[in-house]
Amino acid sequence: MKKAALFLAAAVCATNAYAEQQPPAPSVDLAGSLKQQHVTIRKYLVGAAERMPDADFHFKPQGTPPEVRTFGQIVAHLANANYGLCAVSKGDKPPNTPLDDLKETKPKAELVKALSDALTYCDGVYDSQTTATLTEMMKRQLPNNVTVERARGNSLISNLSHNNEHYGNLVTYLRAKGLVPPSSDR
């Protein structure tokens, strides 16, 4: 019996010593994860817009319905959406006048700048978040005068999802023009 008790005591001590040597489990950093995703898609979006030649900003796949956006219209739409969704998370109104993303009235240089400026605005919003602030509840009035309450992070997650969705569109347009998208650069 004494041997069993001695063995059990030694096993407990060894287990405790082993547990103390293990590195702590990584903490969950939701804010850092969202920021990193933003940094990645930001690079791809601006890179895609810069890569498409000026003349092809009016391009959209042949045979698509009229309501399908051209490459340039998608870039304008992305600029508007980034301002809008990041402003929601910040608790502000978008700091710009929206581009008309149903018409293509701006040249490539202006659209690339608008997208880059919108993403820079979002940089500050993502940078200011912590995991705790992302879960803060915020009231927001929708266009139909309905008020909803959502976590601050919802709009940033929606922003990432929206950016990735439309990056997929831009990739298709670039490939149709024989261009390699930024995410495929080696």
C-alpha atoms as a PDB file:
ATOM      1  CA  MET A   1       0.000   0.000   0.000  1.00  0.00           C
ATOM      2  CA  LYS A   2       2.866   2.372   0.854  1.00  0.00           C
ATOM      3  CA  LYS A   3       4.437   1.630  -2.527  1.00  0.00           C
ATOM      4  CA  ALA A   4       1.184   2.492  -4.319  1.00  0.00           C
ATOM      5  CA  ALA A   5       0.827   5.768  -2.406  1.00  0.00           C
ATOM      6  CA  LEU A   6       4.449   6.654  -3.102  1.00  0.00           C
ATOM      7  CA  PHE A   7       4.018   5.820  -6.806  1.00  0.00           C
ATOM      8  CA  LEU A   8       0.836   7.935  -6.993  1.00  0.00           C
ATOM      9  CA  ALA A   9       2.558  10.891  -5.308  1.00  0.00           C
ATOM     10  CA  ALA A  10       5.486  10.633  -7.738  1.00  0.00           C
ATOM     11  CA  ALA A  11       3.094  10.472 -10.711  1.00  0.00           C
ATOM     12  CA  VAL A  12       1.230  13.588  -9.544  1.00  0.00           C
ATOM     13  CA  CYS A  13       4.517  15.475  -9.081  1.00  0.00           C
ATOM     14  CA  ALA A  14       5.753  14.395 -12.504  1.00  0.00           C
ATOM     15  CA  THR A  15       2.456  15.395 -14.127  1.00  0.00           C
ATOM     16  CA  ASN A  16       2.568  18.820 -12.466  1.00  0.00           C
ATOM     17  CA  ALA A  17       6.199  19.338 -13.528  1.00  0.00           C
ATOM     18  CA  TYR A  18       5.328  18.328 -17.118  1.00  0.00           C
ATOM     19  CA  ALA A  19       2.301  20.639 -17.173  1.00  0.00           C
ATOM     20  CA  GLU A  20       4.416  23.568 -15.984  1.00  0.00           C
ATOM     21  CA  GLN A  21       6.832  23.035 -18.892  1.00  0.00           C
ATOM     22  CA  GLN A  22       4.101  23.241 -21.534  1.00  0.00           C
ATOM     23  CA  PRO A  23       3.608  26.613 -23.230  1.00  0.00           C
ATOM     24  CA  PRO A  24       0.310  28.290 -22.424  1.00  0.00           C
ATOM     25  CA  ALA A  25      -2.524  27.724 -24.845  1.00  0.00           C
ATOM     26  CA  PRO A  26      -2.713  30.522 -27.411  1.00  0.00           C
ATOM     27  CA  SER A  27      -5.272  33.177 -26.638  1.00  0.00           C
ATOM     28  CA  VAL A  28      -8.019  33.873 -29.121  1.00  0.00           C
ATOM     29  CA  ASP A  29      -7.402  37.244 -30.735  1.00  0.00           C
ATOM     30  CA  LEU A  30     -10.428  37.850 -32.900  1.00  0.00           C
ATOM     31  CA  ALA A  31      -9.512  41.483 -33.569  1.00  0.00           C
ATOM     32  CA  GLY A  32      -6.024  40.521 -34.741  1.00  0.00           C
ATOM     33  CA  SER A  33      -7.408  37.801 -36.969  1.00  0.00           C
ATOM     34  CA  LEU A  34      -9.898  40.165 -38.633  1.00  0.00           C
ATOM     35  CA  LYS A  35      -7.171  42.799 -39.101  1.00  0.00           C
ATOM     36  CA  GLN A  36      -4.885  40.259 -40.786  1.00  0.00           C
ATOM     37  CA  GLN A  37      -7.680  39.184 -43.128  1.00  0.00           C
ATOM     38  CA  HIS A  38      -8.319  42.839 -43.974  1.00  0.00           C
ATOM     39  CA  VAL A  39      -4.619  43.432 -44.710  1.00  0.00           C
ATOM     40  CA  THR A  40      -4.569  40.455 -47.093  1.00  0.00           C
ATOM     41  CA  ILE A  41      -7.742  41.232 -49.044  1.00  0.00           C
ATOM     42  CA  ARG A  42      -6.807  44.926 -49.130  1.00  0.00           C
ATOM     43  CA  LYS A  43      -3.573  44.077 -50.925  1.00  0.00           C
ATOM     44  CA  TYR A  44      -5.409  41.863 -53.415  1.00  0.00           C
ATOM     45  CA  LEU A  45      -8.172  44.379 -54.174  1.00  0.00           C
ATOM     46  CA  VAL A  46      -5.848  47.318 -54.812  1.00  0.00           C
ATOM     47  CA  GLY A  47      -3.470  45.059 -56.744  1.00  0.00           C
ATOM     48  CA  ALA A  48      -6.289  43.824 -58.994  1.00  0.00           C
ATOM     49  CA  ALA A  49      -7.485  47.372 -59.667  1.00  0.00           C
ATOM     50  CA  GLU A  50      -3.959  48.504 -60.493  1.00  0.00           C
ATOM     51  CA  ARG A  51      -3.324  45.479 -62.713  1.00  0.00           C
ATOM     52  CA  MET A  52      -6.304  45.939 -65.044  1.00  0.00           C
ATOM     53  CA  PRO A  53      -5.389  48.275 -67.942  1.00  0.00           C
ATOM     54  CA  ASP A  54      -7.246  51.599 -68.193  1.00  0.00           C
ATOM     55  CA  ALA A  55      -9.068  50.569 -71.343  1.00  0.00           C
ATOM     56  CA  ASP A  56     -10.447  47.431 -69.673  1.00  0.00           C
ATOM     57  CA  PHE A  57     -12.150  49.157 -66.762  1.00  0.00           C
ATOM     58  CA  HIS A  58     -15.266  49.125 -68.982  1.00  0.00           C
ATOM     59  CA  PHE A  59     -14.950  45.360 -69.480  1.00  0.00           C
ATOM     60  CA  LYS A  60     -17.502  42.809 -68.396  1.00  0.00           C
ATOM     61  CA  PRO A  61     -17.878  39.273 -69.728  1.00  0.00           C
ATOM     62  CA  GLN A  62     -19.582  39.023 -73.089  1.00  0.00           C
ATOM     63  CA  GLY A  63     -23.214  37.978 -73.009  1.00  0.00           C
ATOM     64  CA  THR A  64     -23.857  39.132 -69.441  1.00  0.00           C
ATOM     65  CA  PRO A  65     -27.087  40.990 -68.670  1.00  0.00           C
ATOM     66  CA  PRO A  66     -26.983  44.802 -68.516  1.00  0.00           C
ATOM     67  CA  GLU A  67     -27.199  44.817 -64.705  1.00  0.00           C
ATOM     68  CA  VAL A  68     -23.860  42.967 -64.388  1.00  0.00           C
ATOM     69  CA  ARG A  69     -21.209  45.462 -63.372  1.00  0.00           C
ATOM     70  CA  THR A  70     -18.111  46.280 -65.386  1.00  0.00           C
ATOM     71  CA  PHE A  71     -14.695  45.939 -63.760  1.00  0.00           C
ATOM     72  CA  GLY A  72     -14.670  49.667 -62.977  1.00  0.00           C
ATOM     73  CA  GLN A  73     -18.169  49.571 -61.514  1.00  0.00           C
ATOM     74  CA  ILE A  74     -17.096  46.772 -59.163  1.00  0.00           C
ATOM     75  CA  VAL A  75     -14.110  48.869 -58.034  1.00  0.00           C
ATOM     76  CA  ALA A  76     -16.426  51.851 -57.373  1.00  0.00           C
ATOM     77  CA  HIS A  77     -18.889  49.580 -55.545  1.00  0.00           C
ATOM     78  CA  LEU A  78     -16.072  48.231 -53.359  1.00  0.00           C
ATOM     79  CA  ALA A  79     -14.974  51.765 -52.442  1.00  0.00           C
ATOM     80  CA  ASN A  80     -18.535  52.672 -51.418  1.00  0.00           C
ATOM     81  CA  ALA A  81     -19.083  49.453 -49.474  1.00  0.00           C
ATOM     82  CA  ASN A  82     -15.803  49.697 -47.555  1.00  0.00           C
ATOM     83  CA  TYR A  83     -16.597  53.234 -46.443  1.00  0.00           C
ATOM     84  CA  GLY A  84     -20.137  52.213 -45.538  1.00  0.00           C
ATOM     85  CA  LEU A  85     -19.434  49.014 -43.617  1.00  0.00           C
ATOM     86  CA  CYS A  86     -16.409  50.361 -41.756  1.00  0.00           C
ATOM     87  CA  ALA A  87     -18.335  53.526 -40.824  1.00  0.00           C
ATOM     88  CA  VAL A  88     -21.077  51.354 -39.315  1.00  0.00           C
ATOM     89  CA  SER A  89     -18.518  49.614 -37.123  1.00  0.00           C
ATOM     90  CA  LYS A  90     -17.025  52.968 -36.152  1.00  0.00           C
ATOM     91  CA  GLY A  91     -20.487  54.319 -35.320  1.00  0.00           C
ATOM     92  CA  ASP A  92     -20.196  57.098 -37.915  1.00  0.00           C
ATOM     93  CA  LYS A  93     -21.605  58.069 -41.269  1.00  0.00           C
ATOM     94  CA  PRO A  94     -19.387  57.314 -44.289  1.00  0.00           C
ATOM     95  CA  PRO A  95     -16.851  60.170 -44.644  1.00  0.00           C
ATOM     96  CA  ASN A  96     -17.280  60.536 -48.398  1.00  0.00           C
ATOM     97  CA  THR A  97     -19.796  61.116 -51.117  1.00  0.00           C
ATOM     98  CA  PRO A  98     -20.532  57.732 -52.670  1.00  0.00           C
ATOM     99  CA  LEU A  99     -19.408  57.061 -56.212  1.00  0.00           C
ATOM    100  CA  ASP A 100     -22.115  56.219 -58.720  1.00  0.00           C
ATOM    101  CA  ASP A 101     -21.263  52.554 -59.076  1.00  0.00           C
ATOM    102  CA  LEU A 102     -24.037  51.984 -61.592  1.00  0.00           C
ATOM    103  CA  LYS A 103     -22.384  54.369 -64.051  1.00  0.00           C
ATOM    104  CA  GLU A 104     -18.773  54.484 -64.968  1.00  0.00           C
ATOM    105  CA  THR A 105     -17.863  58.120 -64.909  1.00  0.00           C
ATOM    106  CA  LYS A 106     -14.419  58.045 -63.343  1.00  0.00           C
ATOM    107  CA  PRO A 107     -11.119  57.071 -64.979  1.00  0.00           C
ATOM    108  CA  LYS A 108      -9.033  54.195 -63.608  1.00  0.00           C
ATOM    109  CA  ALA A 109      -6.699  56.426 -61.586  1.00  0.00           C
ATOM    110  CA  GLU A 110      -9.606  57.991 -59.687  1.00  0.00           C
ATOM    111  CA  LEU A 111     -11.287  54.646 -59.048  1.00  0.00           C
ATOM    112  CA  VAL A 112      -8.064  53.054 -57.787  1.00  0.00           C
ATOM    113  CA  LYS A 113      -7.507  56.064 -55.507  1.00  0.00           C
ATOM    114  CA  ALA A 114     -11.095  55.903 -54.236  1.00  0.00           C
ATOM    115  CA  LEU A 115     -10.725  52.210 -53.421  1.00  0.00           C
ATOM    116  CA  SER A 116      -7.345  52.730 -51.771  1.00  0.00           C
ATOM    117  CA  ASP A 117      -8.697  55.668 -49.714  1.00  0.00           C
ATOM    118  CA  ALA A 118     -11.696  53.609 -48.568  1.00  0.00           C
ATOM    119  CA  LEU A 119      -9.450  50.735 -47.534  1.00  0.00           C
ATOM    120  CA  THR A 120      -7.169  53.168 -45.677  1.00  0.00           C
ATOM    121  CA  TYR A 121     -10.228  54.433 -43.790  1.00  0.00           C
ATOM    122  CA  CYS A 122     -10.989  50.801 -42.890  1.00  0.00           C
ATOM    123  CA  ASP A 123      -7.378  50.281 -41.731  1.00  0.00           C
ATOM    124  CA  GLY A 124      -8.034  52.699 -38.881  1.00  0.00           C
ATOM    125  CA  VAL A 125     -11.280  50.992 -37.951  1.00  0.00           C
ATOM    126  CA  TYR A 126      -9.721  47.506 -37.884  1.00  0.00           C
ATOM    127  CA  ASP A 127      -6.673  48.856 -35.985  1.00  0.00           C
ATOM    128  CA  SER A 128      -8.864  50.349 -33.260  1.00  0.00           C
ATOM    129  CA  GLN A 129     -10.680  47.097 -32.465  1.00  0.00           C
ATOM    130  CA  THR A 130     -10.073  44.658 -29.657  1.00  0.00           C
ATOM    131  CA  THR A 131     -11.801  41.368 -29.134  1.00  0.00           C
ATOM    132  CA  ALA A 132     -13.887  43.101 -26.464  1.00  0.00           C
ATOM    133  CA  THR A 133     -14.936  46.043 -28.690  1.00  0.00           C
ATOM    134  CA  LEU A 134     -15.969  43.669 -31.471  1.00  0.00           C
ATOM    135  CA  THR A 135     -18.665  42.221 -29.220  1.00  0.00           C
ATOM    136  CA  GLU A 136     -20.067  45.584 -28.087  1.00  0.00           C
ATOM    137  CA  MET A 137     -23.688  45.936 -29.106  1.00  0.00           C
ATOM    138  CA  MET A 138     -24.588  48.891 -31.323  1.00  0.00           C
ATOM    139  CA  LYS A 139     -27.944  50.193 -32.503  1.00  0.00           C
ATOM    140  CA  ARG A 140     -28.237  50.963 -36.182  1.00  0.00           C
ATOM    141  CA  GLN A 141     -31.092  52.306 -38.230  1.00  0.00           C
ATOM    142  CA  LEU A 142     -31.629  50.487 -41.510  1.00  0.00           C
ATOM    143  CA  PRO A 143     -32.819  52.290 -44.666  1.00  0.00           C
ATOM    144  CA  ASN A 144     -36.397  51.080 -44.052  1.00  0.00           C
ATOM    145  CA  ASN A 145     -36.408  52.915 -40.651  1.00  0.00           C
ATOM    146  CA  VAL A 146     -36.081  49.664 -38.711  1.00  0.00           C
ATOM    147  CA  THR A 147     -33.611  49.831 -35.823  1.00  0.00           C
ATOM    148  CA  VAL A 148     -31.495  46.763 -35.193  1.00  0.00           C
ATOM    149  CA  GLU A 149     -28.929  45.959 -32.535  1.00  0.00           C
ATOM    150  CA  ARG A 150     -25.829  44.067 -33.604  1.00  0.00           C
ATOM    151  CA  ALA A 151     -22.306  43.481 -32.395  1.00  0.00           C
ATOM    152  CA  ARG A 152     -19.776  46.024 -33.692  1.00  0.00           C
ATOM    153  CA  GLY A 153     -17.778  43.224 -35.305  1.00  0.00           C
ATOM    154  CA  ASN A 154     -20.684  42.133 -37.527  1.00  0.00           C
ATOM    155  CA  SER A 155     -20.105  44.929 -40.018  1.00  0.00           C
ATOM    156  CA  LEU A 156     -16.368  44.178 -40.196  1.00  0.00           C
ATOM    157  CA  ILE A 157     -17.032  40.494 -40.798  1.00  0.00           C
ATOM    158  CA  SER A 158     -19.571  41.484 -43.473  1.00  0.00           C
ATOM    159  CA  ASN A 159     -16.968  43.806 -44.977  1.00  0.00           C
ATOM    160  CA  LEU A 160     -14.418  40.989 -45.235  1.00  0.00           C
ATOM    161  CA  SER A 161     -16.974  38.645 -46.750  1.00  0.00           C
ATOM    162  CA  HIS A 162     -18.095  41.279 -49.265  1.00  0.00           C
ATOM    163  CA  ASN A 163     -14.515  42.142 -50.230  1.00  0.00           C
ATOM    164  CA  ASN A 164     -13.653  38.492 -50.798  1.00  0.00           C
ATOM    165  CA  GLU A 165     -16.825  37.942 -52.829  1.00  0.00           C
ATOM    166  CA  HIS A 166     -16.033  40.802 -55.176  1.00  0.00           C
ATOM    167  CA  TYR A 167     -12.352  39.964 -55.347  1.00  0.00           C
ATOM    168  CA  GLY A 168     -13.560  36.706 -56.896  1.00  0.00           C
ATOM    169  CA  ASN A 169     -15.369  38.779 -59.541  1.00  0.00           C
ATOM    170  CA  LEU A 170     -12.244  40.827 -60.218  1.00  0.00           C
ATOM    171  CA  VAL A 171     -10.157  37.647 -60.543  1.00  0.00           C
ATOM    172  CA  THR A 172     -12.547  36.313 -63.177  1.00  0.00           C
ATOM    173  CA  TYR A 173     -12.380  39.563 -65.139  1.00  0.00           C
ATOM    174  CA  LEU A 174      -8.564  39.649 -64.939  1.00  0.00           C
ATOM    175  CA  ARG A 175      -8.310  36.015 -66.081  1.00  0.00           C
ATOM    176  CA  ALA A 176     -10.674  36.724 -68.982  1.00  0.00           C
ATOM    177  CA  LYS A 177      -8.188  39.393 -70.082  1.00  0.00           C
ATOM    178  CA  GLY A 178      -5.250  36.995 -69.750  1.00  0.00           C
ATOM    179  CA  LEU A 179      -3.934  38.645 -66.565  1.00  0.00           C
ATOM    180  CA  VAL A 180      -2.749  36.869 -63.419  1.00  0.00           C
ATOM    181  CA  PRO A 181      -4.541  38.077 -60.274  1.00  0.00           C
ATOM    182  CA  PRO A 182      -2.452  39.311 -57.310  1.00  0.00           C
ATOM    183  CA  SER A 183      -3.358  36.308 -55.151  1.00  0.00           C
ATOM    184  CA  SER A 184      -1.717  34.026 -57.730  1.00  0.00           C
ATOM    185  CA  ASP A 185       1.579  35.932 -57.894  1.00  0.00           C
ATOM    186  CA  ARG A 186       4.523  33.758 -57.034  1.00  0.00           C
END
